[in-house]
Amino acid sequence: MGQPKFEIFKGKDEAFYFHLKAGNGEVILASQGYTAKASCQNGISSVATNSKDEANFEKKVAKDGRFYFVLHAANKQIIGNSQMYTTSSARDHGIHSVHDNATQAVIEDLTKE
């Protein structure tokens, strides 16, 4: 299994985004779009800091009944969203995965800028 990592990339809208990937390559957290790469990098630092406290994770249920979570910063701003899960226990496992992986993840910049 590989090492957890944050991947910085540019979307079709030219905004910067990051994914947090677990060691198995699965995306466990996705960011909002940022206009500047430096802001995206700050978002990654915020994930590493705020994922340490389980109170910053908001557990949610989508309209279609699937489960997901949102990671908030101390100021309650959304840092990232999870994928959709079919069970609440899978969502809870995703939260623990972000908690466990964010602080040891390397950063890989795919933008080449």
N, C-alpha and C. Protein backbone atom coordinates (compact mmCIF):
# COMPACT_ATOMS: atom_id res chain seq x y z
N MET A 1 0.84 -1.18 0.00
CA MET A 1 0.00 0.00 0.00
C MET A 1 0.89 1.24 0.00
N GLY A 2 0.46 2.26 -0.72
CA GLY A 2 1.23 3.49 -0.83
C GLY A 2 1.05 4.41 0.36
N GLN A 3 1.65 5.55 0.26
CA GLN A 3 1.57 6.56 1.31
C GLN A 3 0.38 7.48 1.05
N PRO A 4 -0.31 7.92 2.10
CA PRO A 4 -1.39 8.90 1.89
C PRO A 4 -0.82 10.18 1.30
N LYS A 5 -1.64 10.84 0.48
CA LYS A 5 -1.14 12.08 -0.13
C LYS A 5 -2.27 13.04 -0.46
N PHE A 6 -1.89 14.31 -0.45
CA PHE A 6 -2.74 15.36 -0.98
C PHE A 6 -2.30 15.59 -2.41
N GLU A 7 -3.23 15.63 -3.34
CA GLU A 7 -2.92 15.97 -4.72
C GLU A 7 -3.53 17.33 -5.03
N ILE A 8 -2.70 18.26 -5.48
CA ILE A 8 -3.17 19.57 -5.92
C ILE A 8 -3.32 19.51 -7.44
N PHE A 9 -4.47 19.94 -7.93
CA PHE A 9 -4.70 19.92 -9.38
C PHE A 9 -5.59 21.10 -9.77
N LYS A 10 -5.62 21.37 -11.07
CA LYS A 10 -6.47 22.43 -11.60
C LYS A 10 -7.70 21.82 -12.25
N GLY A 11 -8.85 22.41 -11.96
CA GLY A 11 -10.09 21.96 -12.58
C GLY A 11 -10.30 22.62 -13.93
N LYS A 12 -11.34 22.17 -14.62
CA LYS A 12 -11.69 22.76 -15.92
C LYS A 12 -12.01 24.24 -15.79
N ASP A 13 -12.42 24.65 -14.60
CA ASP A 13 -12.74 26.06 -14.34
C ASP A 13 -11.50 26.89 -14.00
N GLU A 14 -10.31 26.26 -14.11
CA GLU A 14 -9.02 26.89 -13.82
C GLU A 14 -8.79 27.15 -12.33
N ALA A 15 -9.67 26.69 -11.47
CA ALA A 15 -9.47 26.81 -10.03
C ALA A 15 -8.55 25.68 -9.55
N PHE A 16 -7.92 25.89 -8.41
CA PHE A 16 -7.07 24.88 -7.79
C PHE A 16 -7.90 24.08 -6.79
N TYR A 17 -7.68 22.78 -6.77
CA TYR A 17 -8.38 21.86 -5.88
C TYR A 17 -7.36 20.92 -5.27
N PHE A 18 -7.77 20.25 -4.17
CA PHE A 18 -6.96 19.15 -3.66
C PHE A 18 -7.86 17.98 -3.32
N HIS A 19 -7.28 16.81 -3.42
CA HIS A 19 -7.87 15.57 -2.93
C HIS A 19 -6.94 15.04 -1.86
N LEU A 20 -7.51 14.47 -0.82
CA LEU A 20 -6.72 13.67 0.11
C LEU A 20 -6.99 12.22 -0.25
N LYS A 21 -5.91 11.50 -0.58
CA LYS A 21 -6.02 10.10 -0.94
C LYS A 21 -5.39 9.23 0.14
N ALA A 22 -6.09 8.15 0.47
CA ALA A 22 -5.55 7.18 1.42
C ALA A 22 -4.43 6.41 0.75
N GLY A 23 -3.72 5.60 1.51
CA GLY A 23 -2.62 4.82 0.98
C GLY A 23 -3.01 3.89 -0.15
N ASN A 24 -4.30 3.50 -0.20
CA ASN A 24 -4.78 2.61 -1.26
C ASN A 24 -5.20 3.38 -2.52
N GLY A 25 -5.02 4.72 -2.49
CA GLY A 25 -5.34 5.54 -3.65
C GLY A 25 -6.77 6.07 -3.70
N GLU A 26 -7.58 5.68 -2.73
CA GLU A 26 -8.98 6.13 -2.69
C GLU A 26 -9.07 7.57 -2.21
N VAL A 27 -9.87 8.39 -2.90
CA VAL A 27 -10.09 9.78 -2.48
C VAL A 27 -10.98 9.75 -1.24
N ILE A 28 -10.50 10.34 -0.15
CA ILE A 28 -11.28 10.35 1.08
C ILE A 28 -11.76 11.75 1.47
N LEU A 29 -11.24 12.78 0.79
CA LEU A 29 -11.70 14.15 1.03
C LEU A 29 -11.40 14.98 -0.20
N ALA A 30 -12.36 15.80 -0.61
CA ALA A 30 -12.20 16.67 -1.78
C ALA A 30 -12.46 18.11 -1.36
N SER A 31 -11.67 19.02 -1.91
CA SER A 31 -11.79 20.43 -1.53
C SER A 31 -12.76 21.19 -2.42
N GLN A 32 -13.01 22.40 -2.01
CA GLN A 32 -13.68 23.39 -2.84
C GLN A 32 -12.64 23.95 -3.81
N GLY A 33 -13.05 24.79 -4.73
CA GLY A 33 -12.11 25.43 -5.65
C GLY A 33 -11.48 26.67 -5.03
N TYR A 34 -10.21 26.88 -5.33
CA TYR A 34 -9.48 28.05 -4.86
C TYR A 34 -8.95 28.82 -6.07
N THR A 35 -8.96 30.13 -6.00
CA THR A 35 -8.47 30.93 -7.12
C THR A 35 -6.94 30.96 -7.17
N ALA A 36 -6.28 30.75 -6.04
CA ALA A 36 -4.82 30.79 -5.99
C ALA A 36 -4.28 29.49 -5.40
N LYS A 37 -3.15 29.05 -5.92
CA LYS A 37 -2.53 27.82 -5.41
C LYS A 37 -2.17 27.97 -3.93
N ALA A 38 -1.71 29.16 -3.52
CA ALA A 38 -1.34 29.37 -2.12
C ALA A 38 -2.55 29.14 -1.20
N SER A 39 -3.72 29.55 -1.63
CA SER A 39 -4.93 29.33 -0.84
C SER A 39 -5.25 27.85 -0.75
N CYS A 40 -5.04 27.13 -1.84
CA CYS A 40 -5.24 25.68 -1.86
C CYS A 40 -4.29 25.01 -0.88
N GLN A 41 -3.03 25.45 -0.88
CA GLN A 41 -2.04 24.90 0.05
C GLN A 41 -2.42 25.21 1.50
N ASN A 42 -2.98 26.39 1.74
CA ASN A 42 -3.46 26.72 3.09
C ASN A 42 -4.61 25.80 3.49
N GLY A 43 -5.46 25.45 2.50
CA GLY A 43 -6.55 24.52 2.76
C GLY A 43 -6.03 23.16 3.20
N ILE A 44 -4.97 22.70 2.58
CA ILE A 44 -4.35 21.43 2.96
C ILE A 44 -3.84 21.50 4.40
N SER A 45 -3.18 22.59 4.75
CA SER A 45 -2.70 22.77 6.13
C SER A 45 -3.87 22.77 7.11
N SER A 46 -4.96 23.37 6.70
CA SER A 46 -6.15 23.43 7.54
C SER A 46 -6.74 22.03 7.77
N VAL A 47 -6.72 21.19 6.73
CA VAL A 47 -7.19 19.81 6.89
C VAL A 47 -6.33 19.09 7.93
N ALA A 48 -5.02 19.21 7.80
CA ALA A 48 -4.11 18.54 8.73
C ALA A 48 -4.37 18.99 10.17
N THR A 49 -4.63 20.28 10.35
CA THR A 49 -4.88 20.82 11.69
C THR A 49 -6.26 20.42 12.21
N ASN A 50 -7.28 20.64 11.40
CA ASN A 50 -8.66 20.48 11.88
C ASN A 50 -9.17 19.05 11.89
N SER A 51 -8.51 18.15 11.17
CA SER A 51 -8.95 16.75 11.17
C SER A 51 -8.58 16.04 12.47
N LYS A 52 -7.76 16.67 13.30
CA LYS A 52 -7.37 16.07 14.58
C LYS A 52 -8.53 16.05 15.57
N ASP A 53 -9.51 16.96 15.38
CA ASP A 53 -10.63 17.08 16.31
C ASP A 53 -11.90 16.57 15.64
N GLU A 54 -12.43 15.48 16.16
CA GLU A 54 -13.62 14.86 15.57
C GLU A 54 -14.82 15.80 15.58
N ALA A 55 -14.82 16.80 16.45
CA ALA A 55 -15.92 17.77 16.50
C ALA A 55 -15.99 18.61 15.22
N ASN A 56 -14.91 18.66 14.45
CA ASN A 56 -14.90 19.44 13.21
C ASN A 56 -15.52 18.69 12.03
N PHE A 57 -15.87 17.42 12.24
CA PHE A 57 -16.51 16.63 11.19
C PHE A 57 -18.02 16.67 11.39
N GLU A 58 -18.73 17.04 10.36
CA GLU A 58 -20.19 17.06 10.41
C GLU A 58 -20.70 15.87 9.59
N LYS A 59 -21.43 14.99 10.26
CA LYS A 59 -22.00 13.82 9.60
C LYS A 59 -23.32 14.21 8.96
N LYS A 60 -23.49 13.84 7.68
CA LYS A 60 -24.68 14.25 6.95
C LYS A 60 -25.29 13.07 6.19
N VAL A 61 -26.56 13.26 5.81
CA VAL A 61 -27.26 12.29 4.98
C VAL A 61 -27.82 13.06 3.78
N ALA A 62 -27.52 12.57 2.58
CA ALA A 62 -28.00 13.21 1.36
C ALA A 62 -29.49 12.90 1.15
N LYS A 63 -30.12 13.64 0.27
CA LYS A 63 -31.54 13.44 -0.02
C LYS A 63 -31.84 12.03 -0.51
N ASP A 64 -30.87 11.40 -1.17
CA ASP A 64 -31.09 10.04 -1.67
C ASP A 64 -30.78 8.97 -0.62
N GLY A 65 -30.48 9.39 0.61
CA GLY A 65 -30.26 8.44 1.70
C GLY A 65 -28.82 8.01 1.88
N ARG A 66 -27.91 8.45 1.01
CA ARG A 66 -26.50 8.10 1.18
C ARG A 66 -25.88 9.00 2.24
N PHE A 67 -24.79 8.54 2.78
CA PHE A 67 -24.12 9.21 3.89
C PHE A 67 -22.83 9.89 3.42
N TYR A 68 -22.50 11.02 4.05
CA TYR A 68 -21.24 11.71 3.75
C TYR A 68 -20.89 12.59 4.93
N PHE A 69 -19.71 13.19 4.86
CA PHE A 69 -19.31 14.10 5.93
C PHE A 69 -18.65 15.33 5.33
N VAL A 70 -18.64 16.37 6.15
CA VAL A 70 -18.01 17.65 5.80
C VAL A 70 -17.01 17.97 6.91
N LEU A 71 -15.82 18.42 6.51
CA LEU A 71 -14.81 18.85 7.49
C LEU A 71 -14.83 20.36 7.55
N HIS A 72 -14.97 20.89 8.77
CA HIS A 72 -15.01 22.34 9.00
C HIS A 72 -13.73 22.80 9.67
N ALA A 73 -13.36 24.04 9.40
CA ALA A 73 -12.28 24.70 10.14
C ALA A 73 -12.86 25.23 11.45
N ALA A 74 -12.02 25.75 12.29
CA ALA A 74 -12.45 26.30 13.57
C ALA A 74 -13.47 27.42 13.38
N ASN A 75 -13.38 28.16 12.27
CA ASN A 75 -14.32 29.25 12.00
C ASN A 75 -15.59 28.76 11.32
N LYS A 76 -15.76 27.44 11.25
CA LYS A 76 -16.94 26.76 10.67
C LYS A 76 -16.98 26.80 9.15
N GLN A 77 -15.95 27.32 8.50
CA GLN A 77 -15.88 27.29 7.05
C GLN A 77 -15.60 25.85 6.60
N ILE A 78 -16.23 25.45 5.49
CA ILE A 78 -16.04 24.10 4.97
C ILE A 78 -14.67 24.00 4.30
N ILE A 79 -13.91 22.98 4.70
CA ILE A 79 -12.60 22.72 4.12
C ILE A 79 -12.71 21.65 3.02
N GLY A 80 -13.52 20.64 3.28
CA GLY A 80 -13.64 19.55 2.32
C GLY A 80 -14.86 18.70 2.56
N ASN A 81 -15.20 17.93 1.53
CA ASN A 81 -16.34 17.01 1.57
C ASN A 81 -15.87 15.61 1.24
N SER A 82 -16.57 14.64 1.80
CA SER A 82 -16.25 13.25 1.51
C SER A 82 -17.00 12.78 0.27
N GLN A 83 -16.68 11.57 -0.12
CA GLN A 83 -17.47 10.89 -1.13
C GLN A 83 -18.79 10.46 -0.49
N MET A 84 -19.67 9.86 -1.26
CA MET A 84 -20.92 9.32 -0.73
C MET A 84 -20.70 7.87 -0.30
N TYR A 85 -21.31 7.51 0.82
CA TYR A 85 -21.20 6.17 1.36
C TYR A 85 -22.59 5.56 1.46
N THR A 86 -22.66 4.23 1.38
CA THR A 86 -23.96 3.56 1.45
C THR A 86 -24.41 3.31 2.88
N THR A 87 -23.48 3.33 3.84
CA THR A 87 -23.84 3.10 5.24
C THR A 87 -23.21 4.17 6.13
N SER A 88 -23.82 4.37 7.28
CA SER A 88 -23.25 5.34 8.23
C SER A 88 -21.93 4.84 8.79
N SER A 89 -21.78 3.54 8.94
CA SER A 89 -20.51 3.02 9.46
C SER A 89 -19.38 3.22 8.45
N ALA A 90 -19.67 3.11 7.16
CA ALA A 90 -18.65 3.39 6.15
C ALA A 90 -18.26 4.86 6.18
N ARG A 91 -19.24 5.74 6.37
CA ARG A 91 -18.94 7.17 6.51
C ARG A 91 -18.06 7.41 7.72
N ASP A 92 -18.38 6.79 8.84
CA ASP A 92 -17.60 6.96 10.05
C ASP A 92 -16.17 6.45 9.86
N HIS A 93 -16.03 5.38 9.11
CA HIS A 93 -14.69 4.86 8.78
C HIS A 93 -13.94 5.90 7.93
N GLY A 94 -14.64 6.57 7.02
CA GLY A 94 -14.03 7.63 6.20
C GLY A 94 -13.52 8.77 7.06
N ILE A 95 -14.28 9.14 8.06
CA ILE A 95 -13.85 10.20 8.99
C ILE A 95 -12.56 9.79 9.69
N HIS A 96 -12.51 8.55 10.18
CA HIS A 96 -11.31 8.07 10.85
C HIS A 96 -10.13 8.00 9.89
N SER A 97 -10.41 7.69 8.64
CA SER A 97 -9.35 7.63 7.64
C SER A 97 -8.75 9.01 7.40
N VAL A 98 -9.59 10.04 7.30
CA VAL A 98 -9.08 11.40 7.15
C VAL A 98 -8.27 11.78 8.39
N HIS A 99 -8.82 11.49 9.55
CA HIS A 99 -8.14 11.78 10.81
C HIS A 99 -6.76 11.13 10.85
N ASP A 100 -6.68 9.86 10.43
CA ASP A 100 -5.42 9.11 10.49
C ASP A 100 -4.43 9.50 9.40
N ASN A 101 -4.93 9.87 8.22
CA ASN A 101 -4.06 10.08 7.07
C ASN A 101 -3.60 11.52 6.85
N ALA A 102 -4.39 12.50 7.26
CA ALA A 102 -4.11 13.89 6.90
C ALA A 102 -2.78 14.40 7.44
N THR A 103 -2.42 14.02 8.63
CA THR A 103 -1.20 14.57 9.23
C THR A 103 0.07 13.92 8.68
N GLN A 104 -0.04 12.74 8.08
CA GLN A 104 1.15 12.08 7.55
C GLN A 104 1.21 12.08 6.03
N ALA A 105 0.24 12.72 5.39
CA ALA A 105 0.19 12.73 3.94
C ALA A 105 1.24 13.66 3.33
N VAL A 106 1.82 13.22 2.23
CA VAL A 106 2.73 14.07 1.47
C VAL A 106 1.89 14.89 0.50
N ILE A 107 2.47 15.95 -0.03
CA ILE A 107 1.75 16.81 -0.98
C ILE A 107 2.36 16.61 -2.36
N GLU A 108 1.51 16.29 -3.32
CA GLU A 108 1.94 16.11 -4.70
C GLU A 108 1.23 17.17 -5.55
N ASP A 109 2.01 18.03 -6.16
CA ASP A 109 1.47 19.10 -6.97
C ASP A 109 1.42 18.63 -8.43
N LEU A 110 0.21 18.45 -8.94
CA LEU A 110 0.02 17.97 -10.30
C LEU A 110 -0.16 19.10 -11.30
N THR A 111 -0.06 20.35 -10.84
CA THR A 111 -0.33 21.49 -11.73
C THR A 111 0.85 21.87 -12.58
N LYS A 112 2.05 21.51 -12.18
CA LYS A 112 3.27 21.85 -12.93
C LYS A 112 3.47 23.37 -13.06
N GLU A 113 2.99 24.09 -12.07
CA GLU A 113 3.14 25.56 -12.11
C GLU A 113 4.06 26.02 -11.01
